[in-house]
Amino acid sequence: MEHLRELAVRLAMDEPVGDDLPTAAAHALTRGVDSPGLRELAGLSKGQSREAVDLFRQAMDELGSPVPDEPGARLHLMRQAAADIVAGDGDAEDLSYEIYWHAAYSQLPELRPVADRFLELYAGWGPAFDQTEEAIAAAKVAALSFLRDHPA
């Protein structure tokens, strides 16, 4: 189901996913995820991208995990990046920039302070911090605060 959610976020971000959807549906069915739309989607061929997108949206609704709108997808990606910072997965500097970028382009006014905070972290990564450990610690604090203030 997680792979289907990732595809839903990519779709919401206008990434081309239509050709990947029938295969993803077939794999989900083999793992026990099932809905009428998912079964129909699994039967499509790669050349039916438009139909695949429509069936994917239907299937995700049936599974109780609808395709988010673009701001919702950006928020999801921001939460994922923040969780990665907290877990120590990936480069905290790059992940801080990713959070800033999604917050700045989310068109959600309530995320403007988040964008400002993570831009400050990213921009100050070099000279503002004496050691990388300090920068990572500051990013973790900001990420934890973001996750607490913006739960899934």
N, C-alpha and C. Protein backbone atom coordinates (compact mmCIF):
# COMPACT_ATOMS: atom_id res chain seq x y z
N MET A 1 0.83 -1.19 0.00
CA MET A 1 0.00 0.00 0.00
C MET A 1 0.88 1.26 0.00
N GLU A 2 2.03 1.17 0.63
CA GLU A 2 2.92 2.34 0.69
C GLU A 2 3.35 2.77 -0.71
N HIS A 3 3.63 1.82 -1.59
CA HIS A 3 4.02 2.17 -2.96
C HIS A 3 2.87 2.89 -3.68
N LEU A 4 1.64 2.45 -3.43
CA LEU A 4 0.49 3.11 -4.05
C LEU A 4 0.37 4.55 -3.53
N ARG A 5 0.61 4.75 -2.24
CA ARG A 5 0.56 6.11 -1.68
C ARG A 5 1.65 6.99 -2.29
N GLU A 6 2.83 6.43 -2.49
CA GLU A 6 3.91 7.19 -3.13
C GLU A 6 3.52 7.60 -4.55
N LEU A 7 2.90 6.68 -5.27
CA LEU A 7 2.44 7.01 -6.63
C LEU A 7 1.35 8.09 -6.59
N ALA A 8 0.48 8.04 -5.57
CA ALA A 8 -0.56 9.05 -5.43
C ALA A 8 0.05 10.43 -5.21
N VAL A 9 1.10 10.50 -4.41
CA VAL A 9 1.77 11.77 -4.17
C VAL A 9 2.44 12.26 -5.46
N ARG A 10 3.10 11.36 -6.17
CA ARG A 10 3.73 11.73 -7.44
C ARG A 10 2.70 12.23 -8.44
N LEU A 11 1.55 11.57 -8.49
CA LEU A 11 0.48 12.00 -9.38
C LEU A 11 0.00 13.40 -9.00
N ALA A 12 -0.17 13.64 -7.71
CA ALA A 12 -0.60 14.96 -7.24
C ALA A 12 0.41 16.04 -7.59
N MET A 13 1.68 15.67 -7.72
CA MET A 13 2.73 16.62 -8.06
C MET A 13 2.93 16.72 -9.58
N ASP A 14 1.97 16.16 -10.34
CA ASP A 14 1.99 16.20 -11.81
C ASP A 14 3.17 15.47 -12.42
N GLU A 15 3.67 14.47 -11.73
CA GLU A 15 4.71 13.63 -12.33
C GLU A 15 4.03 12.56 -13.18
N PRO A 16 4.63 12.17 -14.29
CA PRO A 16 4.01 11.15 -15.14
C PRO A 16 4.12 9.77 -14.48
N VAL A 17 2.97 9.21 -14.13
CA VAL A 17 2.95 7.90 -13.48
C VAL A 17 2.03 6.91 -14.17
N GLY A 18 1.29 7.37 -15.17
CA GLY A 18 0.26 6.54 -15.79
C GLY A 18 0.73 5.17 -16.23
N ASP A 19 1.92 5.09 -16.84
CA ASP A 19 2.41 3.80 -17.33
C ASP A 19 2.82 2.86 -16.19
N ASP A 20 3.11 3.40 -15.01
CA ASP A 20 3.52 2.58 -13.87
C ASP A 20 2.34 2.00 -13.09
N LEU A 21 1.17 2.57 -13.29
CA LEU A 21 0.03 2.22 -12.44
C LEU A 21 -0.49 0.80 -12.59
N PRO A 22 -0.64 0.25 -13.81
CA PRO A 22 -1.12 -1.13 -13.91
C PRO A 22 -0.20 -2.14 -13.20
N THR A 23 1.10 -1.97 -13.37
CA THR A 23 2.04 -2.88 -12.71
C THR A 23 1.96 -2.73 -11.20
N ALA A 24 1.88 -1.49 -10.72
CA ALA A 24 1.77 -1.25 -9.27
C ALA A 24 0.49 -1.88 -8.73
N ALA A 25 -0.59 -1.78 -9.49
CA ALA A 25 -1.86 -2.38 -9.07
C ALA A 25 -1.74 -3.90 -8.98
N ALA A 26 -1.10 -4.49 -9.99
CA ALA A 26 -0.91 -5.95 -9.98
C ALA A 26 -0.08 -6.39 -8.78
N HIS A 27 0.99 -5.65 -8.48
CA HIS A 27 1.82 -5.99 -7.31
C HIS A 27 1.04 -5.83 -6.01
N ALA A 28 0.22 -4.79 -5.93
CA ALA A 28 -0.58 -4.59 -4.72
C ALA A 28 -1.57 -5.73 -4.53
N LEU A 29 -2.18 -6.18 -5.62
CA LEU A 29 -3.12 -7.30 -5.53
C LEU A 29 -2.42 -8.56 -5.02
N THR A 30 -1.19 -8.80 -5.47
CA THR A 30 -0.47 -10.00 -5.01
C THR A 30 -0.10 -9.90 -3.53
N ARG A 31 -0.06 -8.67 -3.00
CA ARG A 31 0.24 -8.48 -1.58
C ARG A 31 -1.03 -8.38 -0.73
N GLY A 32 -2.18 -8.63 -1.33
CA GLY A 32 -3.42 -8.67 -0.57
C GLY A 32 -4.21 -7.37 -0.52
N VAL A 33 -3.73 -6.33 -1.18
CA VAL A 33 -4.49 -5.08 -1.27
C VAL A 33 -5.48 -5.26 -2.41
N ASP A 34 -6.76 -4.99 -2.16
CA ASP A 34 -7.76 -5.31 -3.19
C ASP A 34 -8.89 -4.29 -3.19
N SER A 35 -9.34 -3.98 -4.38
CA SER A 35 -10.55 -3.18 -4.59
C SER A 35 -10.97 -3.41 -6.04
N PRO A 36 -12.23 -3.17 -6.36
CA PRO A 36 -12.66 -3.37 -7.75
C PRO A 36 -11.85 -2.52 -8.75
N GLY A 37 -11.62 -1.27 -8.42
CA GLY A 37 -10.85 -0.41 -9.31
C GLY A 37 -9.42 -0.87 -9.47
N LEU A 38 -8.83 -1.39 -8.41
CA LEU A 38 -7.45 -1.89 -8.47
C LEU A 38 -7.37 -3.11 -9.39
N ARG A 39 -8.38 -3.99 -9.31
CA ARG A 39 -8.40 -5.17 -10.19
C ARG A 39 -8.51 -4.74 -11.66
N GLU A 40 -9.36 -3.78 -11.93
CA GLU A 40 -9.53 -3.30 -13.30
C GLU A 40 -8.25 -2.60 -13.79
N LEU A 41 -7.64 -1.83 -12.92
CA LEU A 41 -6.40 -1.13 -13.25
C LEU A 41 -5.29 -2.12 -13.60
N ALA A 42 -5.20 -3.20 -12.85
CA ALA A 42 -4.15 -4.20 -13.09
C ALA A 42 -4.28 -4.83 -14.47
N GLY A 43 -5.47 -4.81 -15.04
CA GLY A 43 -5.69 -5.41 -16.35
C GLY A 43 -5.40 -4.50 -17.53
N LEU A 44 -5.06 -3.25 -17.27
CA LEU A 44 -4.76 -2.33 -18.36
C LEU A 44 -3.34 -2.54 -18.88
N SER A 45 -3.13 -2.13 -20.13
CA SER A 45 -1.78 -2.17 -20.70
C SER A 45 -1.13 -0.81 -20.55
N LYS A 46 0.17 -0.75 -20.83
CA LYS A 46 0.93 0.50 -20.65
C LYS A 46 0.44 1.65 -21.51
N GLY A 47 -0.16 1.40 -22.63
CA GLY A 47 -0.60 2.47 -23.51
C GLY A 47 -1.89 3.16 -23.09
N GLN A 48 -2.43 2.80 -21.97
CA GLN A 48 -3.72 3.34 -21.53
C GLN A 48 -3.53 4.26 -20.31
N SER A 49 -2.61 5.20 -20.40
CA SER A 49 -2.26 6.06 -19.27
C SER A 49 -3.43 6.84 -18.71
N ARG A 50 -4.23 7.46 -19.57
CA ARG A 50 -5.36 8.28 -19.09
C ARG A 50 -6.36 7.44 -18.32
N GLU A 51 -6.71 6.27 -18.88
CA GLU A 51 -7.63 5.38 -18.19
C GLU A 51 -7.01 4.89 -16.88
N ALA A 52 -5.70 4.64 -16.90
CA ALA A 52 -5.01 4.17 -15.72
C ALA A 52 -5.08 5.19 -14.58
N VAL A 53 -4.88 6.46 -14.92
CA VAL A 53 -4.93 7.52 -13.90
C VAL A 53 -6.34 7.59 -13.30
N ASP A 54 -7.36 7.54 -14.13
CA ASP A 54 -8.73 7.61 -13.63
C ASP A 54 -9.04 6.41 -12.73
N LEU A 55 -8.65 5.21 -13.16
CA LEU A 55 -8.89 4.02 -12.35
C LEU A 55 -8.07 4.04 -11.06
N PHE A 56 -6.86 4.58 -11.14
CA PHE A 56 -6.03 4.67 -9.94
C PHE A 56 -6.69 5.58 -8.91
N ARG A 57 -7.19 6.73 -9.37
CA ARG A 57 -7.90 7.63 -8.45
C ARG A 57 -9.10 6.92 -7.82
N GLN A 58 -9.85 6.19 -8.64
CA GLN A 58 -11.00 5.44 -8.14
C GLN A 58 -10.55 4.40 -7.12
N ALA A 59 -9.52 3.65 -7.45
CA ALA A 59 -9.03 2.60 -6.55
C ALA A 59 -8.54 3.18 -5.22
N MET A 60 -7.82 4.29 -5.28
CA MET A 60 -7.33 4.89 -4.04
C MET A 60 -8.49 5.38 -3.18
N ASP A 61 -9.54 5.90 -3.80
CA ASP A 61 -10.74 6.28 -3.05
C ASP A 61 -11.36 5.04 -2.39
N GLU A 62 -11.46 3.96 -3.16
CA GLU A 62 -12.03 2.72 -2.63
C GLU A 62 -11.20 2.18 -1.46
N LEU A 63 -9.90 2.39 -1.52
CA LEU A 63 -9.00 1.89 -0.46
C LEU A 63 -8.93 2.83 0.73
N GLY A 64 -9.64 3.95 0.66
CA GLY A 64 -9.66 4.90 1.77
C GLY A 64 -8.43 5.78 1.87
N SER A 65 -7.70 5.88 0.77
CA SER A 65 -6.49 6.71 0.74
C SER A 65 -6.48 7.51 -0.55
N PRO A 66 -7.38 8.51 -0.66
CA PRO A 66 -7.51 9.24 -1.92
C PRO A 66 -6.24 9.98 -2.32
N VAL A 67 -6.10 10.20 -3.61
CA VAL A 67 -4.97 10.97 -4.14
C VAL A 67 -5.09 12.38 -3.56
N PRO A 68 -4.03 12.87 -2.92
CA PRO A 68 -4.12 14.21 -2.33
C PRO A 68 -4.09 15.30 -3.39
N ASP A 69 -4.46 16.51 -2.97
CA ASP A 69 -4.25 17.66 -3.85
C ASP A 69 -2.76 18.03 -3.74
N GLU A 70 -2.32 18.99 -4.56
CA GLU A 70 -0.90 19.34 -4.57
C GLU A 70 -0.40 19.83 -3.20
N PRO A 71 -1.11 20.73 -2.51
CA PRO A 71 -0.62 21.13 -1.18
C PRO A 71 -0.54 19.95 -0.21
N GLY A 72 -1.49 19.04 -0.30
CA GLY A 72 -1.46 17.85 0.56
C GLY A 72 -0.27 16.96 0.24
N ALA A 73 0.05 16.85 -1.04
CA ALA A 73 1.21 16.05 -1.45
C ALA A 73 2.49 16.70 -0.96
N ARG A 74 2.57 18.02 -1.08
CA ARG A 74 3.77 18.73 -0.59
C ARG A 74 3.93 18.54 0.92
N LEU A 75 2.82 18.61 1.66
CA LEU A 75 2.87 18.41 3.10
C LEU A 75 3.35 16.99 3.42
N HIS A 76 2.89 16.02 2.67
CA HIS A 76 3.34 14.64 2.85
C HIS A 76 4.86 14.54 2.63
N LEU A 77 5.34 15.13 1.56
CA LEU A 77 6.77 15.08 1.26
C LEU A 77 7.59 15.81 2.33
N MET A 78 7.04 16.89 2.86
CA MET A 78 7.72 17.61 3.94
C MET A 78 7.80 16.75 5.20
N ARG A 79 6.70 16.08 5.54
CA ARG A 79 6.69 15.19 6.72
C ARG A 79 7.70 14.07 6.54
N GLN A 80 7.75 13.53 5.33
CA GLN A 80 8.70 12.45 5.05
C GLN A 80 10.14 12.94 5.22
N ALA A 81 10.45 14.12 4.69
CA ALA A 81 11.80 14.67 4.82
C ALA A 81 12.12 14.96 6.28
N ALA A 82 11.16 15.50 7.03
CA ALA A 82 11.38 15.79 8.45
C ALA A 82 11.61 14.49 9.24
N ALA A 83 10.84 13.46 8.93
CA ALA A 83 11.04 12.17 9.60
C ALA A 83 12.42 11.61 9.28
N ASP A 84 12.88 11.79 8.05
CA ASP A 84 14.22 11.33 7.68
C ASP A 84 15.30 12.09 8.44
N ILE A 85 15.11 13.40 8.63
CA ILE A 85 16.08 14.18 9.42
C ILE A 85 16.15 13.64 10.84
N VAL A 86 14.99 13.44 11.45
CA VAL A 86 14.92 12.95 12.83
C VAL A 86 15.57 11.58 12.95
N ALA A 87 15.33 10.72 11.97
CA ALA A 87 15.88 9.35 12.00
C ALA A 87 17.35 9.31 11.61
N GLY A 88 17.88 10.40 11.09
CA GLY A 88 19.27 10.41 10.64
C GLY A 88 19.46 9.75 9.29
N ASP A 89 18.36 9.64 8.53
CA ASP A 89 18.42 9.05 7.19
C ASP A 89 18.60 10.16 6.16
N GLY A 90 19.60 10.06 5.34
CA GLY A 90 19.83 11.07 4.31
C GLY A 90 20.64 12.24 4.83
N ASP A 91 20.85 13.19 3.94
CA ASP A 91 21.64 14.37 4.26
C ASP A 91 20.72 15.44 4.84
N ALA A 92 20.94 15.82 6.09
CA ALA A 92 20.06 16.78 6.77
C ALA A 92 20.02 18.13 6.05
N GLU A 93 21.13 18.54 5.47
CA GLU A 93 21.16 19.81 4.75
C GLU A 93 20.25 19.75 3.53
N ASP A 94 20.35 18.70 2.74
CA ASP A 94 19.49 18.54 1.56
C ASP A 94 18.02 18.41 1.95
N LEU A 95 17.76 17.66 3.02
CA LEU A 95 16.38 17.47 3.47
C LEU A 95 15.78 18.78 4.00
N SER A 96 16.61 19.60 4.65
CA SER A 96 16.15 20.91 5.11
C SER A 96 15.75 21.77 3.92
N TYR A 97 16.56 21.73 2.86
CA TYR A 97 16.23 22.48 1.65
C TYR A 97 14.93 21.95 1.04
N GLU A 98 14.75 20.65 1.03
CA GLU A 98 13.53 20.07 0.47
C GLU A 98 12.29 20.55 1.23
N ILE A 99 12.38 20.58 2.55
CA ILE A 99 11.25 21.07 3.34
C ILE A 99 10.99 22.53 3.03
N TYR A 100 12.04 23.33 2.99
CA TYR A 100 11.89 24.75 2.64
C TYR A 100 11.18 24.88 1.28
N TRP A 101 11.67 24.17 0.29
CA TRP A 101 11.17 24.31 -1.07
C TRP A 101 9.69 23.96 -1.15
N HIS A 102 9.31 22.83 -0.55
CA HIS A 102 7.90 22.42 -0.59
C HIS A 102 7.02 23.39 0.19
N ALA A 103 7.50 23.87 1.32
CA ALA A 103 6.71 24.82 2.11
C ALA A 103 6.53 26.12 1.35
N ALA A 104 7.59 26.59 0.71
CA ALA A 104 7.53 27.86 -0.02
C ALA A 104 6.58 27.78 -1.21
N TYR A 105 6.51 26.64 -1.86
CA TYR A 105 5.68 26.49 -3.05
C TYR A 105 4.34 25.82 -2.79
N SER A 106 4.01 25.60 -1.53
CA SER A 106 2.76 24.92 -1.19
C SER A 106 1.54 25.81 -1.37
N GLN A 107 1.73 27.12 -1.38
CA GLN A 107 0.64 28.07 -1.47
C GLN A 107 -0.23 28.06 -0.21
N LEU A 108 0.28 27.46 0.88
CA LEU A 108 -0.43 27.45 2.15
C LEU A 108 0.22 28.49 3.06
N PRO A 109 -0.50 29.56 3.38
CA PRO A 109 0.10 30.62 4.20
C PRO A 109 0.62 30.13 5.55
N GLU A 110 -0.03 29.12 6.11
CA GLU A 110 0.41 28.62 7.41
C GLU A 110 1.78 27.93 7.36
N LEU A 111 2.25 27.62 6.15
CA LEU A 111 3.58 26.99 6.02
C LEU A 111 4.68 28.01 5.74
N ARG A 112 4.34 29.28 5.63
CA ARG A 112 5.37 30.31 5.39
C ARG A 112 6.42 30.33 6.50
N PRO A 113 6.02 30.27 7.78
CA PRO A 113 7.05 30.23 8.84
C PRO A 113 7.93 28.98 8.76
N VAL A 114 7.36 27.88 8.31
CA VAL A 114 8.14 26.64 8.14
C VAL A 114 9.18 26.86 7.05
N ALA A 115 8.75 27.44 5.94
CA ALA A 115 9.70 27.73 4.85
C ALA A 115 10.82 28.63 5.34
N ASP A 116 10.45 29.67 6.08
CA ASP A 116 11.47 30.61 6.59
C ASP A 116 12.45 29.91 7.52
N ARG A 117 11.94 29.06 8.40
CA ARG A 117 12.81 28.36 9.36
C ARG A 117 13.79 27.44 8.66
N PHE A 118 13.30 26.65 7.73
CA PHE A 118 14.18 25.70 7.06
C PHE A 118 15.11 26.38 6.05
N LEU A 119 14.69 27.51 5.49
CA LEU A 119 15.60 28.28 4.65
C LEU A 119 16.74 28.84 5.51
N GLU A 120 16.40 29.32 6.69
CA GLU A 120 17.41 29.82 7.62
C GLU A 120 18.42 28.72 7.97
N LEU A 121 17.91 27.53 8.23
CA LEU A 121 18.80 26.40 8.53
C LEU A 121 19.70 26.09 7.34
N TYR A 122 19.09 26.00 6.17
CA TYR A 122 19.85 25.65 4.97
C TYR A 122 20.88 26.72 4.64
N ALA A 123 20.46 27.97 4.67
CA ALA A 123 21.36 29.07 4.31
C ALA A 123 22.51 29.21 5.30
N GLY A 124 22.26 28.88 6.56
CA GLY A 124 23.29 29.03 7.57
C GLY A 124 24.13 27.80 7.80
N TRP A 125 23.97 26.81 6.93
CA TRP A 125 24.66 25.53 7.16
C TRP A 125 26.17 25.69 7.27
N GLY A 126 26.76 26.50 6.45
CA GLY A 126 28.21 26.65 6.47
C GLY A 126 28.72 27.52 7.59
N PRO A 127 28.78 28.84 7.37
CA PRO A 127 29.44 29.72 8.32
C PRO A 127 28.70 29.92 9.64
N ALA A 128 27.39 29.75 9.68
CA ALA A 128 26.65 30.03 10.91
C ALA A 128 26.84 28.94 11.96
N PHE A 129 27.21 27.75 11.55
CA PHE A 129 27.41 26.65 12.50
C PHE A 129 28.88 26.32 12.57
N ASP A 130 29.39 26.18 13.80
CA ASP A 130 30.80 25.84 13.98
C ASP A 130 31.09 24.40 13.56
N GLN A 131 30.12 23.53 13.79
CA GLN A 131 30.33 22.12 13.49
C GLN A 131 29.08 21.55 12.81
N THR A 132 29.30 20.54 12.02
CA THR A 132 28.18 19.89 11.34
C THR A 132 27.20 19.30 12.35
N GLU A 133 27.70 18.81 13.47
CA GLU A 133 26.82 18.23 14.49
C GLU A 133 25.81 19.26 14.99
N GLU A 134 26.25 20.52 15.11
CA GLU A 134 25.34 21.58 15.54
C GLU A 134 24.25 21.81 14.50
N ALA A 135 24.63 21.79 13.25
CA ALA A 135 23.66 22.00 12.17
C ALA A 135 22.65 20.87 12.14
N ILE A 136 23.12 19.66 12.27
CA ILE A 136 22.22 18.50 12.26
C ILE A 136 21.30 18.55 13.47
N ALA A 137 21.83 18.90 14.62
CA ALA A 137 21.00 19.01 15.83
C ALA A 137 19.92 20.07 15.65
N ALA A 138 20.27 21.22 15.07
CA ALA A 138 19.29 22.28 14.84
C ALA A 138 18.22 21.82 13.85
N ALA A 139 18.63 21.09 12.82
CA ALA A 139 17.67 20.57 11.84
C ALA A 139 16.73 19.56 12.50
N LYS A 140 17.26 18.72 13.39
CA LYS A 140 16.41 17.73 14.08
C LYS A 140 15.39 18.42 14.96
N VAL A 141 15.81 19.46 15.67
CA VAL A 141 14.87 20.20 16.52
C VAL A 141 13.76 20.81 15.67
N ALA A 142 14.13 21.44 14.57
CA ALA A 142 13.14 22.04 13.68
C ALA A 142 12.23 20.98 13.07
N ALA A 143 12.78 19.84 12.68
CA ALA A 143 11.99 18.76 12.09
C ALA A 143 11.01 18.19 13.10
N LEU A 144 11.45 17.98 14.33
CA LEU A 144 10.55 17.47 15.37
C LEU A 144 9.41 18.45 15.63
N SER A 145 9.74 19.73 15.67
CA SER A 145 8.72 20.75 15.88
C SER A 145 7.71 20.75 14.73
N PHE A 146 8.21 20.65 13.50
CA PHE A 146 7.33 20.60 12.34
C PHE A 146 6.40 19.39 12.41
N LEU A 147 6.95 18.22 12.72
CA LEU A 147 6.14 17.01 12.79
C LEU A 147 5.09 17.10 13.89
N ARG A 148 5.45 17.70 15.00
CA ARG A 148 4.50 17.87 16.11
C ARG A 148 3.38 18.84 15.71
N ASP A 149 3.74 19.92 15.02
CA ASP A 149 2.76 20.94 14.65
C ASP A 149 1.94 20.59 13.41
N HIS A 150 2.40 19.62 12.63
CA HIS A 150 1.71 19.23 11.38
C HIS A 150 1.61 17.71 11.29
N PRO A 151 0.81 17.10 12.19
CA PRO A 151 0.70 15.64 12.16
C PRO A 151 -0.02 15.16 10.90
N ALA A 152 0.21 13.91 10.57
CA ALA A 152 -0.41 13.32 9.38
C ALA A 152 -1.90 13.18 9.54
